[in-house]
C-alpha atoms as a PDB file:
ATOM      1  CA  ASN A   1    -135.397 114.472  44.334  1.00  0.00           C
ATOM      2  CA  CYS A   2    -136.009 111.458  46.488  1.00  0.00           C
ATOM      3  CA  LYS A   3    -137.734 108.129  46.478  1.00  0.00           C
ATOM      4  CA  ARG A   4    -140.910 109.251  48.192  1.00  0.00           C
ATOM      5  CA  LEU A   5    -142.002 105.811  49.390  1.00  0.00           C
ATOM      6  CA  ALA A   6    -138.585 105.079  50.879  1.00  0.00           C
ATOM      7  CA  VAL A   7    -138.377 108.389  52.744  1.00  0.00           C
ATOM      8  CA  THR A   8    -141.940 107.871  53.970  1.00  0.00           C
ATOM      9  CA  ARG A   9    -140.915 104.463  55.305  1.00  0.00           C
ATOM     10  CA  ALA A  10    -137.893 105.931  57.092  1.00  0.00           C
ATOM     11  CA  LEU A  11    -140.064 108.602  58.731  1.00  0.00           C
ATOM     12  CA  ASP A  12    -142.703 106.018  59.628  1.00  0.00           C
ATOM     13  CA  ASN A  13    -140.025 103.928  61.364  1.00  0.00           C
ATOM     14  CA  LEU A  14    -138.783 106.921  63.339  1.00  0.00           C
ATOM     15  CA  LEU A  15    -142.298 108.068  64.258  1.00  0.00           C
ATOM     16  CA  SER A  16    -143.343 104.536  65.276  1.00  0.00           C
ATOM     17  CA  ASN A  17    -140.294 104.189  67.516  1.00  0.00           C
ATOM     18  CA  ALA A  18    -140.917 107.600  69.067  1.00  0.00           C
ATOM     19  CA  ALA A  19    -144.577 106.774  69.759  1.00  0.00           C
ATOM     20  CA  ARG A  20    -143.613 103.398  71.222  1.00  0.00           C
ATOM     21  CA  TYR A  21    -141.138 104.854  73.706  1.00  0.00           C
ATOM     22  CA  GLY A  22    -142.565 108.278  74.470  1.00  0.00           C
ATOM     23  CA  ASP A  23    -145.848 109.986  75.262  1.00  0.00           C
ATOM     24  CA  HIS A  24    -145.037 113.102  73.224  1.00  0.00           C
ATOM     25  CA  VAL A  25    -143.672 113.021  69.678  1.00  0.00           C
ATOM     26  CA  ARG A  26    -142.697 115.912  67.448  1.00  0.00           C
ATOM     27  CA  LEU A  27    -141.856 115.948  63.739  1.00  0.00           C
ATOM     28  CA  SER A  28    -140.134 119.016  62.346  1.00  0.00           C
ATOM     29  CA  VAL A  29    -138.718 119.887  58.943  1.00  0.00           C
ATOM     30  CA  ARG A  30    -135.950 122.385  58.267  1.00  0.00           C
ATOM     31  CA  ASP A  31    -135.333 123.458  54.683  1.00  0.00           C
ATOM     32  CA  GLU A  32    -131.751 124.665  54.420  1.00  0.00           C
ATOM     33  CA  ALA A  33    -129.704 125.862  51.460  1.00  0.00           C
ATOM     34  CA  ASP A  34    -127.902 122.562  50.908  1.00  0.00           C
ATOM     35  CA  GLN A  35    -130.101 120.019  52.710  1.00  0.00           C
ATOM     36  CA  VAL A  36    -133.442 119.168  54.233  1.00  0.00           C
ATOM     37  CA  ALA A  37    -133.514 117.991  57.853  1.00  0.00           C
ATOM     38  CA  LEU A  38    -136.410 115.790  58.998  1.00  0.00           C
ATOM     39  CA  THR A  39    -136.364 115.492  62.799  1.00  0.00           C
ATOM     40  CA  VAL A  40    -138.391 113.223  65.068  1.00  0.00           C
ATOM     41  CA  GLU A  41    -138.163 113.810  68.822  1.00  0.00           C
ATOM     42  CA  ASP A  42    -139.798 112.102  71.788  1.00  0.00           C
ATOM     43  CA  ASN A  43    -139.898 112.320  75.560  1.00  0.00           C
ATOM     44  CA  GLY A  44    -139.006 108.668  76.139  1.00  0.00           C
ATOM     45  CA  PRO A  45    -135.892 107.248  77.787  1.00  0.00           C
ATOM     46  CA  GLY A  46    -133.677 108.024  74.781  1.00  0.00           C
ATOM     47  CA  ILE A  47    -130.581 106.090  73.762  1.00  0.00           C
ATOM     48  CA  PRO A  48    -127.332 106.652  75.661  1.00  0.00           C
ATOM     49  CA  LYS A  49    -124.627 108.290  73.546  1.00  0.00           C
ATOM     50  CA  ASP A  50    -122.327 105.269  73.802  1.00  0.00           C
ATOM     51  CA  GLN A  51    -125.052 102.955  72.410  1.00  0.00           C
ATOM     52  CA  ARG A  52    -126.223 104.991  69.419  1.00  0.00           C
ATOM     53  CA  ASP A  53    -123.887 103.329  66.906  1.00  0.00           C
ATOM     54  CA  THR A  54    -125.117  99.942  68.089  1.00  0.00           C
ATOM     55  CA  ALA A  55    -128.750 101.046  67.848  1.00  0.00           C
ATOM     56  CA  ILE A  56    -128.561 101.627  64.084  1.00  0.00           C
ATOM     57  CA  ARG A  57    -127.244  98.121  63.351  1.00  0.00           C
ATOM     58  CA  PRO A  58    -129.801  95.584  62.067  1.00  0.00           C
ATOM     59  CA  PHE A  59    -131.535  93.429  64.693  1.00  0.00           C
ATOM     60  CA  GLU A  60    -130.070  95.380  67.607  1.00  0.00           C
ATOM     61  CA  ARG A  61    -132.560  96.134  70.361  1.00  0.00           C
ATOM     62  CA  LEU A  62    -131.499  98.201  73.335  1.00  0.00           C
ATOM     63  CA  ASP A  63    -134.217  96.971  75.649  1.00  0.00           C
ATOM     64  CA  ALA A  64    -132.530  98.149  78.801  1.00  0.00           C
ATOM     65  CA  ALA A  65    -132.264 101.654  77.376  1.00  0.00           C
ATOM     66  CA  ARG A  66    -135.694 101.840  75.738  1.00  0.00           C
ATOM     67  CA  ASN A  67    -138.096 100.093  78.169  1.00  0.00           C
ATOM     68  CA  GLN A  68    -138.293  96.352  77.562  1.00  0.00           C
ATOM     69  CA  ASN A  69    -141.986  96.077  78.450  1.00  0.00           C
ATOM     70  CA  LYS A  70    -142.997  98.224  75.482  1.00  0.00           C
ATOM     71  CA  SER A  71    -140.498  96.831  72.991  1.00  0.00           C
ATOM     72  CA  VAL A  72    -142.074  94.619  70.351  1.00  0.00           C
ATOM     73  CA  GLY A  73    -139.943  95.480  67.324  1.00  0.00           C
ATOM     74  CA  THR A  74    -137.306  93.537  65.482  1.00  0.00           C
ATOM     75  CA  GLY A  75    -134.519  96.075  65.756  1.00  0.00           C
ATOM     76  CA  LEU A  76    -134.686  97.066  62.100  1.00  0.00           C
ATOM     77  CA  GLY A  77    -136.356 100.489  62.207  1.00  0.00           C
ATOM     78  CA  LEU A  78    -133.263 102.612  62.783  1.00  0.00           C
ATOM     79  CA  ALA A  79    -131.154 100.431  60.467  1.00  0.00           C
ATOM     80  CA  ILE A  80    -133.684 100.847  57.650  1.00  0.00           C
ATOM     81  CA  ALA A  81    -133.905 104.606  58.225  1.00  0.00           C
ATOM     82  CA  THR A  82    -130.091 104.781  58.149  1.00  0.00           C
ATOM     83  CA  ASP A  83    -129.905 102.835  54.873  1.00  0.00           C
ATOM     84  CA  ILE A  84    -132.593 104.969  53.249  1.00  0.00           C
ATOM     85  CA  ALA A  85    -130.823 108.185  54.259  1.00  0.00           C
ATOM     86  CA  ARG A  86    -127.479 106.858  52.938  1.00  0.00           C
ATOM     87  CA  ASN A  87    -129.082 105.711  49.664  1.00  0.00           C
ATOM     88  CA  HIS A  88    -130.190 109.307  49.158  1.00  0.00           C
ATOM     89  CA  GLY A  89    -126.699 110.659  49.857  1.00  0.00           C
ATOM     90  CA  GLY A  90    -127.690 111.703  53.362  1.00  0.00           C
ATOM     91  CA  ARG A  91    -127.368 110.407  56.881  1.00  0.00           C
ATOM     92  CA  LEU A  92    -129.295 109.634  60.059  1.00  0.00           C
ATOM     93  CA  ALA A  93    -128.091 111.311  63.244  1.00  0.00           C
ATOM     94  CA  LEU A  94    -129.188 110.265  66.735  1.00  0.00           C
ATOM     95  CA  ASP A  95    -128.965 112.746  69.564  1.00  0.00           C
ATOM     96  CA  HIS A  96    -130.609 113.802  72.815  1.00  0.00           C
ATOM     97  CA  SER A  97    -133.706 116.000  72.535  1.00  0.00           C
ATOM     98  CA  THR A  98    -132.956 118.930  74.785  1.00  0.00           C
ATOM     99  CA  ASP A  99    -136.556 120.102  74.458  1.00  0.00           C
ATOM    100  CA  LEU A 100    -138.491 116.853  75.043  1.00  0.00           C
ATOM    101  CA  GLY A 101    -135.825 114.897  76.945  1.00  0.00           C
ATOM    102  CA  GLY A 102    -135.807 111.694  74.888  1.00  0.00           C
ATOM    103  CA  LEU A 103    -134.348 110.706  71.547  1.00  0.00           C
ATOM    104  CA  LYS A 104    -133.845 113.103  68.662  1.00  0.00           C
ATOM    105  CA  ALA A 105    -133.437 111.361  65.296  1.00  0.00           C
ATOM    106  CA  THR A 106    -132.686 113.496  62.258  1.00  0.00           C
ATOM    107  CA  ILE A 107    -132.527 112.428  58.627  1.00  0.00           C
ATOM    108  CA  TYR A 108    -130.386 114.841  56.609  1.00  0.00           C
ATOM    109  CA  LEU A 109    -131.031 114.714  52.854  1.00  0.00           C
ATOM    110  CA  PRO A 110    -129.002 116.758  50.383  1.00  0.00           C
ATOM    111  CA  ARG A 111    -130.841 119.134  48.055  1.00  0.00           C
END
């Protein structure tokens, strides 16, 4: 059970970010025994490992890491996605997409 509109907003934020910073975007869903994993990957510049905690804070924009010329957001997308995941008892994890080369953002929601 989840708040459908909220989870849709979190995914929209992740997909919008991925499309803004990359040319290729992939959404995948894994249904596991104890959780559902919603993953958005792109082929953009990604976010360096040491800046990922900063990236999920409200109003933080990592322009140097994510191409300043294309950045028009407020720095709330990842923070909102994080809050929505936490409000559902889950979490947002940021990682490197080994397949596409950019950012891999996964929302884990418990079943």
